[in-house]
Amino acid sequence: MAGSFSSPSVLGLFASKSPPAAAGTVSRLRAHTREVLAFARQASLIHLDFGAVLPTETRPGDHVVVLLHGLFATAGVLRPLRRRIESETGAHTASFSYLPGPGVNRLAVELGSLVRRLPADAHIHLVGHSLGGVVARYFVQELGGDPRVRQTVSLGSPFGGTDHARLMPASAGRDISPGSPLLERVVGAAEEHLHIPHLAISGADDSVVTGFSHLPGGDHVELEHCGHNGLLYDPRAADLVVRRIRDSIRGALQHDPAA
């Protein structure tokens, strides 16, 4: 765990006097069970939200959280996290779905198109799972982003690449391969763009992302007993996202009481 964030709810979790081997087996079983449940939950949601989802009613200075899904998914799998964000922060949410295959640059361009459809006076937060987190940060760093973007958050994003990329389609697979030029640019320039803060949330039992999943200079929280897709539905991950957005909203209010 690095950066200024910590996750007290996971410190000492499942502590026991079991032998290390037994404790390791229990940890793997917990993570595996959560991952199986996460796949089942995704399967029930993946048919939803194929088109762009935009807030219908906003007021000047409102906050909008744009959520981006990972490869082989749709924006529908983000619905539980969207509900938590809307109910606990008061922010609006937006999302859009994309097919597997297009590379990070193309998806970042699509993200830019959606962001331009948001109210001109909105405060924008970008939250991405897996490939979506890379897209969000690429948009901010490589495409110039948008002056309304206040922060980015990634969940299990392969900033260090994944060895499984060879099984992934077309440009997307090449972009998230270990040592890809695109990832090297994003990681290499991360500390030059800290005016747009970043929080990386990763799972200690993520078997999909084989490289690192955080950015230099950014905040990083690793959740025990959590896999790649489990991050989407783990209450601890949602707590961190909600807290981050709340803090940003409070900061905006202190800077501009009319925000």
Protein backbone atom coordinates (compact mmCIF):
# COMPACT_ATOMS: atom_id res chain seq x y z
CA MET A 1 0.00 0.00 0.00
CA ALA A 2 1.38 3.37 -0.97
CA GLY A 3 0.30 6.99 -1.13
CA SER A 4 -1.76 8.99 1.30
CA PHE A 5 -4.73 6.64 1.44
CA SER A 6 -5.17 3.63 3.68
CA SER A 7 -7.94 1.14 4.11
CA PRO A 8 -8.52 0.58 7.83
CA SER A 9 -11.31 -1.89 7.11
CA VAL A 10 -8.87 -4.36 5.62
CA LEU A 11 -6.09 -3.98 8.18
CA GLY A 12 -5.91 -7.15 10.19
CA LEU A 13 -8.91 -8.59 8.37
CA PHE A 14 -9.28 -12.34 8.79
CA ALA A 15 -6.27 -12.39 11.15
CA SER A 16 -5.75 -15.81 12.70
CA LYS A 17 -3.22 -18.04 14.35
CA SER A 18 -3.37 -20.53 11.49
CA PRO A 19 -0.11 -21.70 9.91
CA PRO A 20 1.01 -19.53 6.96
CA ALA A 21 0.13 -22.22 4.41
CA ALA A 22 -3.40 -22.62 5.81
CA ALA A 23 -3.87 -18.84 5.97
CA GLY A 24 -2.77 -18.57 2.35
CA THR A 25 -5.26 -21.22 1.29
CA VAL A 26 -8.08 -19.43 3.10
CA SER A 27 -7.07 -16.14 1.44
CA ARG A 28 -7.13 -17.71 -2.01
CA LEU A 29 -10.49 -19.34 -1.36
CA ARG A 30 -11.99 -16.05 -0.21
CA ALA A 31 -10.69 -14.24 -3.28
CA HIS A 32 -11.82 -17.05 -5.61
CA THR A 33 -15.32 -17.07 -4.11
CA ARG A 34 -15.64 -13.30 -4.48
CA GLU A 35 -14.43 -13.50 -8.06
CA VAL A 36 -16.97 -16.19 -8.96
CA LEU A 37 -19.75 -14.09 -7.43
CA ALA A 38 -18.49 -11.03 -9.32
CA PHE A 39 -18.65 -12.92 -12.64
CA ALA A 40 -22.20 -13.99 -11.87
CA ARG A 41 -23.20 -10.43 -11.03
CA GLN A 42 -21.62 -9.12 -14.23
CA ALA A 43 -23.51 -11.73 -16.25
CA SER A 44 -26.78 -10.40 -14.85
CA LEU A 45 -25.92 -6.79 -15.74
CA ILE A 46 -23.93 -6.97 -18.95
CA HIS A 47 -26.99 -6.63 -21.22
CA LEU A 48 -27.74 -3.15 -19.83
CA ASP A 49 -26.64 0.38 -20.78
CA PHE A 50 -25.28 -0.18 -24.27
CA GLY A 51 -25.87 3.44 -25.22
CA ALA A 52 -24.51 6.56 -23.59
CA VAL A 53 -26.05 7.30 -20.18
CA LEU A 54 -26.08 10.99 -19.30
CA PRO A 55 -27.54 12.90 -16.34
CA THR A 56 -30.97 14.30 -17.15
CA GLU A 57 -31.13 17.15 -14.63
CA THR A 58 -28.15 19.15 -13.42
CA ARG A 59 -27.66 22.48 -11.71
CA PRO A 60 -24.70 24.84 -12.10
CA GLY A 61 -21.68 23.47 -10.28
CA ASP A 62 -22.97 19.90 -10.00
CA HIS A 63 -20.51 17.00 -9.96
CA VAL A 64 -20.68 14.28 -12.62
CA VAL A 65 -18.82 10.97 -12.30
CA VAL A 66 -18.09 9.31 -15.64
CA LEU A 67 -17.56 5.56 -15.29
CA LEU A 68 -15.69 3.43 -17.83
CA HIS A 69 -15.88 -0.35 -17.97
CA GLY A 70 -13.21 -2.90 -18.83
CA LEU A 71 -12.69 -5.19 -21.79
CA PHE A 72 -15.43 -7.72 -22.58
CA ALA A 73 -18.00 -5.83 -20.50
CA THR A 74 -20.54 -3.04 -20.85
CA ALA A 75 -21.48 -0.03 -18.78
CA GLY A 76 -24.22 -2.17 -17.26
CA VAL A 77 -21.74 -3.91 -14.95
CA LEU A 78 -21.07 -0.54 -13.32
CA ARG A 79 -24.65 -0.03 -12.12
CA PRO A 80 -24.07 -1.01 -8.46
CA LEU A 81 -21.13 1.37 -8.18
CA ARG A 82 -23.11 4.11 -9.90
CA ARG A 83 -25.93 3.67 -7.38
CA ARG A 84 -23.52 3.96 -4.47
CA ILE A 85 -21.99 7.12 -5.91
CA GLU A 86 -25.31 8.80 -6.61
CA SER A 87 -26.92 7.92 -3.28
CA GLU A 88 -23.94 8.69 -1.05
CA THR A 89 -22.31 11.70 -2.71
CA GLY A 90 -25.15 13.48 -4.48
CA ALA A 91 -23.13 13.45 -7.70
CA HIS A 92 -24.64 12.49 -11.04
CA THR A 93 -23.17 9.64 -13.09
CA ALA A 94 -22.59 9.03 -16.78
CA SER A 95 -21.28 6.11 -18.80
CA PHE A 96 -21.03 4.60 -22.26
CA SER A 97 -20.31 1.13 -23.65
CA TYR A 98 -17.76 0.08 -26.25
CA LEU A 99 -16.99 -3.14 -28.05
CA PRO A 100 -13.77 -5.07 -27.38
CA GLY A 101 -11.05 -4.29 -29.89
CA PRO A 102 -10.60 -0.50 -30.21
CA GLY A 103 -7.38 0.81 -28.70
CA VAL A 104 -6.93 3.21 -25.81
CA ASN A 105 -6.56 6.29 -28.02
CA ARG A 106 -9.83 5.67 -29.85
CA LEU A 107 -11.70 5.02 -26.60
CA ALA A 108 -10.22 8.16 -25.08
CA VAL A 109 -11.51 10.13 -28.07
CA GLU A 110 -14.97 8.65 -27.45
CA LEU A 111 -14.66 9.62 -23.80
CA GLY A 112 -13.87 13.16 -24.89
CA SER A 113 -17.02 13.23 -27.02
CA LEU A 114 -19.14 12.17 -24.05
CA VAL A 115 -17.47 14.67 -21.72
CA ARG A 116 -18.25 17.48 -24.16
CA ARG A 117 -21.94 16.60 -23.84
CA LEU A 118 -21.88 17.27 -20.11
CA PRO A 119 -22.91 20.67 -18.72
CA ALA A 120 -20.26 23.33 -19.23
CA ASP A 121 -20.18 24.24 -15.53
CA ALA A 122 -20.00 20.66 -14.17
CA HIS A 123 -17.16 19.23 -12.09
CA ILE A 124 -16.12 15.93 -13.66
CA HIS A 125 -14.59 12.82 -12.08
CA LEU A 126 -13.39 9.85 -14.16
CA VAL A 127 -13.61 6.34 -12.68
CA GLY A 128 -12.47 3.36 -14.73
CA HIS A 129 -12.24 -0.39 -14.19
CA SER A 130 -9.38 -2.28 -15.83
CA LEU A 131 -8.91 -0.92 -19.39
CA GLY A 132 -11.28 1.93 -18.49
CA GLY A 133 -8.82 3.30 -15.96
CA VAL A 134 -6.05 3.41 -18.56
CA VAL A 135 -8.41 5.20 -20.96
CA ALA A 136 -9.29 7.79 -18.31
CA ARG A 137 -5.67 8.59 -17.53
CA TYR A 138 -4.65 8.61 -21.21
CA PHE A 139 -7.44 11.11 -21.89
CA VAL A 140 -6.14 13.40 -19.14
CA GLN A 141 -2.45 13.13 -19.95
CA GLU A 142 -2.16 12.48 -23.67
CA LEU A 143 -5.25 14.13 -25.19
CA GLY A 144 -5.26 17.23 -23.03
CA GLY A 145 -8.27 16.09 -21.03
CA ASP A 146 -10.81 18.73 -20.06
CA PRO A 147 -10.37 21.61 -17.60
CA ARG A 148 -13.47 20.44 -15.72
CA VAL A 149 -11.87 17.10 -14.75
CA ARG A 150 -11.04 17.12 -11.04
CA GLN A 151 -9.55 13.62 -10.60
CA THR A 152 -9.26 10.10 -11.94
CA VAL A 153 -9.74 6.77 -10.15
CA SER A 154 -8.78 3.35 -11.46
CA LEU A 155 -9.80 -0.10 -10.27
CA GLY A 156 -7.49 -2.93 -11.31
CA SER A 157 -6.07 -1.06 -14.28
CA PRO A 158 -3.03 -2.61 -16.03
CA PHE A 159 -0.65 0.35 -16.06
CA GLY A 160 2.21 -2.15 -16.01
CA GLY A 161 0.49 -4.29 -18.61
CA THR A 162 -0.80 -7.83 -18.46
CA ASP A 163 0.71 -10.99 -19.90
CA HIS A 164 -2.81 -12.04 -20.89
CA ALA A 165 -2.96 -9.26 -23.49
CA ARG A 166 -1.98 -11.73 -26.23
CA LEU A 167 -5.46 -13.24 -25.80
CA MET A 168 -7.14 -9.87 -26.19
CA PRO A 169 -8.33 -8.45 -29.50
CA ALA A 170 -6.59 -6.03 -31.84
CA SER A 171 -5.38 -2.63 -30.67
CA ALA A 172 -6.66 -2.98 -27.12
CA GLY A 173 -4.47 -6.04 -26.56
CA ARG A 174 -1.39 -4.35 -27.97
CA ASP A 175 -1.94 -1.24 -25.87
CA ILE A 176 -2.03 -3.11 -22.56
CA SER A 177 0.79 -5.54 -23.27
CA PRO A 178 3.75 -5.20 -20.88
CA GLY A 179 6.17 -2.57 -22.15
CA SER A 180 3.79 -1.16 -24.78
CA PRO A 181 4.75 2.35 -25.99
CA LEU A 182 1.34 3.64 -24.88
CA LEU A 183 1.69 2.40 -21.31
CA GLU A 184 5.26 3.66 -21.12
CA ARG A 185 4.05 7.15 -22.10
CA VAL A 186 1.23 7.15 -19.56
CA VAL A 187 3.41 5.87 -16.71
CA GLY A 188 6.40 8.00 -17.67
CA ALA A 189 4.39 11.23 -17.72
CA ALA A 190 2.20 10.51 -14.69
CA GLU A 191 4.14 12.69 -12.25
CA GLU A 192 3.95 15.63 -14.66
CA HIS A 193 0.16 15.60 -14.37
CA LEU A 194 -0.37 15.41 -10.64
CA HIS A 195 -2.51 18.56 -10.79
CA ILE A 196 -5.16 16.00 -11.78
CA PRO A 197 -4.84 13.60 -8.83
CA HIS A 198 -5.17 9.85 -9.26
CA LEU A 199 -6.22 7.05 -6.94
CA ALA A 200 -5.44 3.47 -7.97
CA ILE A 201 -7.36 0.67 -6.25
CA SER A 202 -6.06 -2.84 -6.83
CA GLY A 203 -6.84 -6.35 -5.65
CA ALA A 204 -4.14 -8.37 -3.93
CA ASP A 205 -5.47 -11.51 -5.67
CA ASP A 206 -5.87 -10.02 -9.15
CA SER A 207 -4.85 -12.76 -11.60
CA VAL A 208 -5.78 -10.74 -14.70
CA VAL A 209 -3.38 -7.82 -14.23
CA THR A 210 0.07 -9.38 -14.08
CA GLY A 211 1.98 -6.07 -13.94
CA PHE A 212 1.56 -3.15 -11.56
CA SER A 213 -1.78 -1.33 -11.35
CA HIS A 214 -0.85 2.10 -9.97
CA LEU A 215 0.84 5.27 -11.23
CA PRO A 216 3.97 7.02 -9.93
CA GLY A 217 3.07 9.85 -7.57
CA GLY A 218 -0.55 8.81 -7.24
CA ASP A 219 -2.38 7.29 -4.29
CA HIS A 220 -2.65 3.51 -4.16
CA VAL A 221 -4.74 1.13 -2.06
CA GLU A 222 -4.49 -2.65 -2.36
CA LEU A 223 -7.42 -4.68 -1.04
CA GLU A 224 -6.79 -8.10 0.45
CA HIS A 225 -8.79 -11.14 -0.66
CA CYS A 226 -9.96 -9.33 -3.79
CA GLY A 227 -9.56 -10.25 -7.45
CA HIS A 228 -9.89 -8.33 -10.69
CA ASN A 229 -13.64 -8.34 -11.25
CA GLY A 230 -14.33 -8.44 -7.55
CA LEU A 231 -13.18 -4.82 -7.39
CA LEU A 232 -16.40 -3.80 -9.12
CA TYR A 233 -18.57 -5.07 -6.28
CA ASP A 234 -16.32 -5.06 -3.23
CA PRO A 235 -17.83 -2.64 -0.66
CA ARG A 236 -14.32 -1.57 0.35
CA ALA A 237 -13.56 -0.41 -3.19
CA ALA A 238 -16.87 1.46 -3.41
CA ASP A 239 -16.16 3.05 -0.02
CA LEU A 240 -12.85 4.40 -1.34
CA VAL A 241 -14.43 5.78 -4.53
CA VAL A 242 -17.24 7.42 -2.57
CA ARG A 243 -14.81 8.91 -0.06
CA ARG A 244 -12.64 10.30 -2.84
CA ILE A 245 -15.58 11.99 -4.54
CA ARG A 246 -16.94 13.37 -1.26
CA ASP A 247 -13.55 14.87 -0.44
CA SER A 248 -13.39 16.51 -3.84
CA ILE A 249 -16.89 17.93 -3.49
CA ARG A 250 -16.01 19.36 -0.08
CA GLY A 251 -12.85 20.86 -1.56
CA ALA A 252 -14.85 22.52 -4.33
CA LEU A 253 -17.29 23.99 -1.80
CA GLN A 254 -14.46 25.40 0.31
CA HIS A 255 -12.84 26.94 -2.75
CA ASP A 256 -16.12 28.31 -4.13
CA PRO A 257 -19.18 28.25 -1.82
CA ALA A 258 -21.40 28.69 -4.88
CA ALA A 259 -20.04 25.46 -6.44
